[in-house]
Amino acid sequence: MSTIYHLTTRHEWESAIGAGSHISPSLFDEGFIHCCTPEQVEPVRQRYFSDRTDTLLLEIDPKALRSQLVYEWSTSMEQTFPHVYGPINTDAVVGARPLDA
């Protein structure tokens, strides 16, 4: 299974490191954390993070996730996206790099 990606803020990631897991607001609002494939990173960044200067791209090893990973169709973007149904354990994150506008 290929690496998946999650865009977040520097502050949210720093909090996750201290807690041992990342919990995006979407987990509470929608029941899952939005992720994307390599090809989807830039369109997602442009659509949701274009005005941010503190964006980080988390590289996630799906095999190391403790929460369930499901690929699901997004009607708004008309593509299949990876969704994580639970917190993202920080030891599943193999890289975090700035992805500023």
N, C-alpha and C. Protein backbone atom coordinates (compact mmCIF):
# COMPACT_ATOMS: atom_id res chain seq x y z
N MET A 1 0.84 -1.18 0.00
CA MET A 1 0.00 0.00 0.00
C MET A 1 0.89 1.24 0.00
N SER A 2 0.57 2.20 -0.84
CA SER A 2 1.39 3.40 -1.02
C SER A 2 1.21 4.41 0.11
N THR A 3 2.21 5.24 0.25
CA THR A 3 2.16 6.33 1.21
C THR A 3 0.95 7.21 0.94
N ILE A 4 0.29 7.66 2.01
CA ILE A 4 -0.79 8.62 1.90
C ILE A 4 -0.34 9.91 2.59
N TYR A 5 -1.07 10.97 2.35
CA TYR A 5 -0.66 12.28 2.85
C TYR A 5 -1.83 12.98 3.54
N HIS A 6 -1.46 13.83 4.50
CA HIS A 6 -2.45 14.65 5.21
C HIS A 6 -1.87 16.04 5.37
N LEU A 7 -2.66 17.05 5.04
CA LEU A 7 -2.24 18.43 5.22
C LEU A 7 -2.78 18.93 6.55
N THR A 8 -1.93 19.59 7.29
CA THR A 8 -2.31 20.12 8.59
C THR A 8 -1.50 21.38 8.85
N THR A 9 -1.68 21.96 10.02
CA THR A 9 -0.90 23.14 10.37
C THR A 9 0.27 22.73 11.26
N ARG A 10 1.25 23.58 11.31
CA ARG A 10 2.42 23.34 12.15
C ARG A 10 1.99 23.18 13.62
N HIS A 11 1.08 24.04 14.06
CA HIS A 11 0.60 23.99 15.44
C HIS A 11 -0.10 22.66 15.75
N GLU A 12 -0.98 22.21 14.84
CA GLU A 12 -1.69 20.94 15.06
C GLU A 12 -0.71 19.76 15.12
N TRP A 13 0.33 19.79 14.29
CA TRP A 13 1.30 18.70 14.29
C TRP A 13 2.13 18.72 15.57
N GLU A 14 2.54 19.89 16.02
CA GLU A 14 3.30 19.98 17.27
C GLU A 14 2.48 19.45 18.45
N SER A 15 1.18 19.74 18.46
CA SER A 15 0.29 19.21 19.49
C SER A 15 0.19 17.69 19.40
N ALA A 16 0.13 17.18 18.18
CA ALA A 16 0.03 15.73 17.96
C ALA A 16 1.27 15.01 18.46
N ILE A 17 2.43 15.58 18.23
CA ILE A 17 3.67 14.95 18.69
C ILE A 17 3.63 14.78 20.20
N GLY A 18 3.18 15.81 20.90
CA GLY A 18 3.09 15.73 22.35
C GLY A 18 2.07 14.71 22.84
N ALA A 19 0.99 14.55 22.07
CA ALA A 19 -0.10 13.64 22.46
C ALA A 19 0.11 12.22 21.97
N GLY A 20 0.95 12.03 20.95
CA GLY A 20 1.16 10.70 20.39
C GLY A 20 0.24 10.35 19.25
N SER A 21 -0.71 11.26 18.93
CA SER A 21 -1.60 11.04 17.79
C SER A 21 -2.16 12.37 17.31
N HIS A 22 -2.51 12.39 16.03
CA HIS A 22 -3.09 13.58 15.42
C HIS A 22 -4.59 13.37 15.28
N ILE A 23 -5.34 14.35 15.75
CA ILE A 23 -6.80 14.32 15.61
C ILE A 23 -7.21 15.61 14.91
N SER A 24 -7.63 15.49 13.68
CA SER A 24 -8.09 16.62 12.88
C SER A 24 -9.52 16.96 13.29
N PRO A 25 -9.92 18.23 13.19
CA PRO A 25 -11.31 18.59 13.49
C PRO A 25 -12.33 17.78 12.69
N SER A 26 -11.96 17.34 11.49
CA SER A 26 -12.91 16.56 10.68
C SER A 26 -13.26 15.22 11.31
N LEU A 27 -12.41 14.71 12.19
CA LEU A 27 -12.72 13.45 12.86
C LEU A 27 -13.98 13.60 13.71
N PHE A 28 -14.13 14.75 14.33
CA PHE A 28 -15.32 15.02 15.14
C PHE A 28 -16.51 15.41 14.27
N ASP A 29 -16.24 16.20 13.22
CA ASP A 29 -17.32 16.70 12.37
C ASP A 29 -17.86 15.66 11.39
N GLU A 30 -16.96 14.83 10.83
CA GLU A 30 -17.36 13.90 9.78
C GLU A 30 -17.09 12.43 10.11
N GLY A 31 -16.34 12.19 11.19
CA GLY A 31 -16.07 10.82 11.59
C GLY A 31 -14.78 10.24 11.02
N PHE A 32 -14.03 11.03 10.26
CA PHE A 32 -12.77 10.55 9.70
C PHE A 32 -11.84 11.73 9.44
N ILE A 33 -10.56 11.41 9.20
CA ILE A 33 -9.56 12.41 8.86
C ILE A 33 -9.28 12.30 7.36
N HIS A 34 -9.38 13.43 6.68
CA HIS A 34 -9.13 13.49 5.24
C HIS A 34 -7.66 13.32 4.94
N CYS A 35 -7.36 12.44 4.00
CA CYS A 35 -6.00 12.26 3.50
C CYS A 35 -6.06 12.30 1.98
N CYS A 36 -4.90 12.17 1.34
CA CYS A 36 -4.89 12.18 -0.11
C CYS A 36 -3.71 11.37 -0.64
N THR A 37 -3.76 11.11 -1.93
CA THR A 37 -2.69 10.41 -2.63
C THR A 37 -1.68 11.47 -3.10
N PRO A 38 -0.51 11.04 -3.58
CA PRO A 38 0.48 12.03 -4.05
C PRO A 38 -0.08 12.98 -5.11
N GLU A 39 -0.87 12.45 -6.02
CA GLU A 39 -1.43 13.27 -7.10
C GLU A 39 -2.47 14.27 -6.61
N GLN A 40 -3.05 14.02 -5.47
CA GLN A 40 -4.11 14.88 -4.94
C GLN A 40 -3.60 15.97 -4.02
N VAL A 41 -2.33 15.90 -3.63
CA VAL A 41 -1.79 16.86 -2.65
C VAL A 41 -1.96 18.30 -3.12
N GLU A 42 -1.49 18.62 -4.31
CA GLU A 42 -1.52 20.00 -4.78
C GLU A 42 -2.95 20.53 -4.97
N PRO A 43 -3.86 19.79 -5.60
CA PRO A 43 -5.23 20.29 -5.69
C PRO A 43 -5.89 20.51 -4.32
N VAL A 44 -5.60 19.63 -3.36
CA VAL A 44 -6.15 19.79 -2.01
C VAL A 44 -5.55 21.03 -1.35
N ARG A 45 -4.23 21.20 -1.50
CA ARG A 45 -3.58 22.38 -0.93
C ARG A 45 -4.18 23.65 -1.51
N GLN A 46 -4.36 23.70 -2.81
CA GLN A 46 -4.91 24.89 -3.46
C GLN A 46 -6.34 25.16 -3.01
N ARG A 47 -7.12 24.11 -2.83
CA ARG A 47 -8.54 24.28 -2.49
C ARG A 47 -8.75 24.67 -1.02
N TYR A 48 -7.96 24.08 -0.11
CA TYR A 48 -8.24 24.26 1.32
C TYR A 48 -7.16 25.00 2.11
N PHE A 49 -5.96 25.11 1.57
CA PHE A 49 -4.86 25.69 2.34
C PHE A 49 -4.12 26.81 1.59
N SER A 50 -4.67 27.32 0.51
CA SER A 50 -3.95 28.29 -0.31
C SER A 50 -3.63 29.59 0.43
N ASP A 51 -4.41 29.93 1.43
CA ASP A 51 -4.17 31.17 2.16
C ASP A 51 -3.33 30.98 3.42
N ARG A 52 -2.86 29.77 3.66
CA ARG A 52 -2.09 29.46 4.87
C ARG A 52 -0.60 29.54 4.59
N THR A 53 0.17 29.92 5.61
CA THR A 53 1.62 29.95 5.49
C THR A 53 2.28 29.00 6.48
N ASP A 54 1.46 28.20 7.17
CA ASP A 54 1.99 27.29 8.19
C ASP A 54 1.59 25.84 7.91
N THR A 55 1.41 25.51 6.64
CA THR A 55 0.93 24.18 6.26
C THR A 55 2.07 23.16 6.26
N LEU A 56 1.78 22.01 6.83
CA LEU A 56 2.71 20.88 6.79
C LEU A 56 2.07 19.73 6.02
N LEU A 57 2.90 19.00 5.31
CA LEU A 57 2.46 17.80 4.62
C LEU A 57 2.99 16.61 5.40
N LEU A 58 2.06 15.82 5.94
CA LEU A 58 2.44 14.61 6.67
C LEU A 58 2.45 13.44 5.71
N GLU A 59 3.54 12.69 5.70
CA GLU A 59 3.65 11.47 4.91
C GLU A 59 3.35 10.30 5.84
N ILE A 60 2.36 9.50 5.50
CA ILE A 60 1.85 8.46 6.40
C ILE A 60 2.04 7.08 5.78
N ASP A 61 2.58 6.17 6.57
CA ASP A 61 2.70 4.77 6.16
C ASP A 61 1.40 4.07 6.54
N PRO A 62 0.57 3.73 5.57
CA PRO A 62 -0.73 3.12 5.87
C PRO A 62 -0.63 1.83 6.68
N LYS A 63 0.46 1.07 6.48
CA LYS A 63 0.61 -0.19 7.22
C LYS A 63 0.85 0.04 8.70
N ALA A 64 1.31 1.22 9.07
CA ALA A 64 1.59 1.52 10.48
C ALA A 64 0.42 2.18 11.21
N LEU A 65 -0.64 2.51 10.47
CA LEU A 65 -1.81 3.14 11.10
C LEU A 65 -2.51 2.18 12.05
N ARG A 66 -2.93 2.68 13.17
CA ARG A 66 -3.72 1.88 14.11
C ARG A 66 -5.22 2.03 13.85
N SER A 67 -5.59 3.14 13.22
CA SER A 67 -6.99 3.39 12.87
C SER A 67 -7.27 2.84 11.47
N GLN A 68 -8.54 2.61 11.20
CA GLN A 68 -8.95 2.04 9.93
C GLN A 68 -8.78 3.05 8.79
N LEU A 69 -8.24 2.58 7.67
CA LEU A 69 -8.08 3.38 6.46
C LEU A 69 -9.07 2.86 5.42
N VAL A 70 -9.87 3.79 4.87
CA VAL A 70 -10.87 3.42 3.86
C VAL A 70 -10.75 4.40 2.70
N TYR A 71 -10.72 3.89 1.49
CA TYR A 71 -10.73 4.74 0.30
C TYR A 71 -12.18 4.94 -0.10
N GLU A 72 -12.58 6.23 -0.20
CA GLU A 72 -13.99 6.55 -0.47
C GLU A 72 -14.11 7.65 -1.52
N TRP A 73 -15.22 7.60 -2.23
CA TRP A 73 -15.52 8.56 -3.27
C TRP A 73 -15.92 9.89 -2.66
N SER A 74 -15.37 10.98 -3.20
CA SER A 74 -15.75 12.33 -2.80
C SER A 74 -16.58 12.93 -3.92
N THR A 75 -17.82 13.24 -3.64
CA THR A 75 -18.67 13.82 -4.67
C THR A 75 -18.24 15.25 -5.01
N SER A 76 -17.69 15.98 -4.04
CA SER A 76 -17.29 17.36 -4.31
C SER A 76 -16.05 17.43 -5.21
N MET A 77 -15.15 16.47 -5.09
CA MET A 77 -13.92 16.48 -5.91
C MET A 77 -13.97 15.42 -7.02
N GLU A 78 -14.98 14.56 -6.98
CA GLU A 78 -15.17 13.50 -7.97
C GLU A 78 -13.93 12.62 -8.13
N GLN A 79 -13.40 12.18 -6.97
CA GLN A 79 -12.26 11.29 -6.91
C GLN A 79 -12.38 10.43 -5.67
N THR A 80 -11.60 9.37 -5.63
CA THR A 80 -11.52 8.52 -4.44
C THR A 80 -10.37 9.02 -3.58
N PHE A 81 -10.66 9.21 -2.28
CA PHE A 81 -9.67 9.70 -1.33
C PHE A 81 -9.51 8.73 -0.16
N PRO A 82 -8.31 8.66 0.42
CA PRO A 82 -8.12 7.87 1.64
C PRO A 82 -8.64 8.63 2.85
N HIS A 83 -9.42 7.95 3.67
CA HIS A 83 -9.97 8.51 4.91
C HIS A 83 -9.53 7.63 6.08
N VAL A 84 -9.07 8.26 7.15
CA VAL A 84 -8.64 7.54 8.34
C VAL A 84 -9.73 7.69 9.40
N TYR A 85 -10.31 6.56 9.80
CA TYR A 85 -11.41 6.55 10.76
C TYR A 85 -10.88 6.40 12.19
N GLY A 86 -10.25 7.45 12.66
CA GLY A 86 -9.70 7.49 14.00
C GLY A 86 -8.45 8.36 13.99
N PRO A 87 -7.81 8.49 15.13
CA PRO A 87 -6.59 9.30 15.20
C PRO A 87 -5.47 8.72 14.33
N ILE A 88 -4.59 9.58 13.88
CA ILE A 88 -3.39 9.15 13.17
C ILE A 88 -2.27 9.07 14.19
N ASN A 89 -1.84 7.86 14.50
CA ASN A 89 -0.74 7.69 15.46
C ASN A 89 0.54 8.28 14.87
N THR A 90 1.26 9.03 15.68
CA THR A 90 2.43 9.76 15.17
C THR A 90 3.53 8.84 14.66
N ASP A 91 3.60 7.63 15.16
CA ASP A 91 4.64 6.73 14.65
C ASP A 91 4.32 6.18 13.25
N ALA A 92 3.12 6.45 12.74
CA ALA A 92 2.79 6.10 11.36
C ALA A 92 3.22 7.21 10.39
N VAL A 93 3.56 8.37 10.94
CA VAL A 93 4.00 9.51 10.12
C VAL A 93 5.51 9.38 9.90
N VAL A 94 5.88 9.16 8.65
CA VAL A 94 7.29 8.93 8.32
C VAL A 94 7.99 10.20 7.85
N GLY A 95 7.23 11.27 7.70
CA GLY A 95 7.82 12.55 7.30
C GLY A 95 6.82 13.67 7.49
N ALA A 96 7.35 14.86 7.78
CA ALA A 96 6.52 16.06 7.89
C ALA A 96 7.35 17.20 7.34
N ARG A 97 6.82 17.85 6.30
CA ARG A 97 7.58 18.93 5.69
C ARG A 97 6.67 20.12 5.38
N PRO A 98 7.25 21.31 5.39
CA PRO A 98 6.47 22.52 5.07
C PRO A 98 5.92 22.45 3.65
N LEU A 99 4.72 22.94 3.50
CA LEU A 99 4.09 22.99 2.19
C LEU A 99 3.37 24.33 2.10
N ASP A 100 4.15 25.39 2.13
CA ASP A 100 3.59 26.73 2.16
C ASP A 100 3.22 27.22 0.78
N ALA A 101 2.29 28.16 0.78
CA ALA A 101 1.81 28.75 -0.47
C ALA A 101 2.89 29.58 -1.13
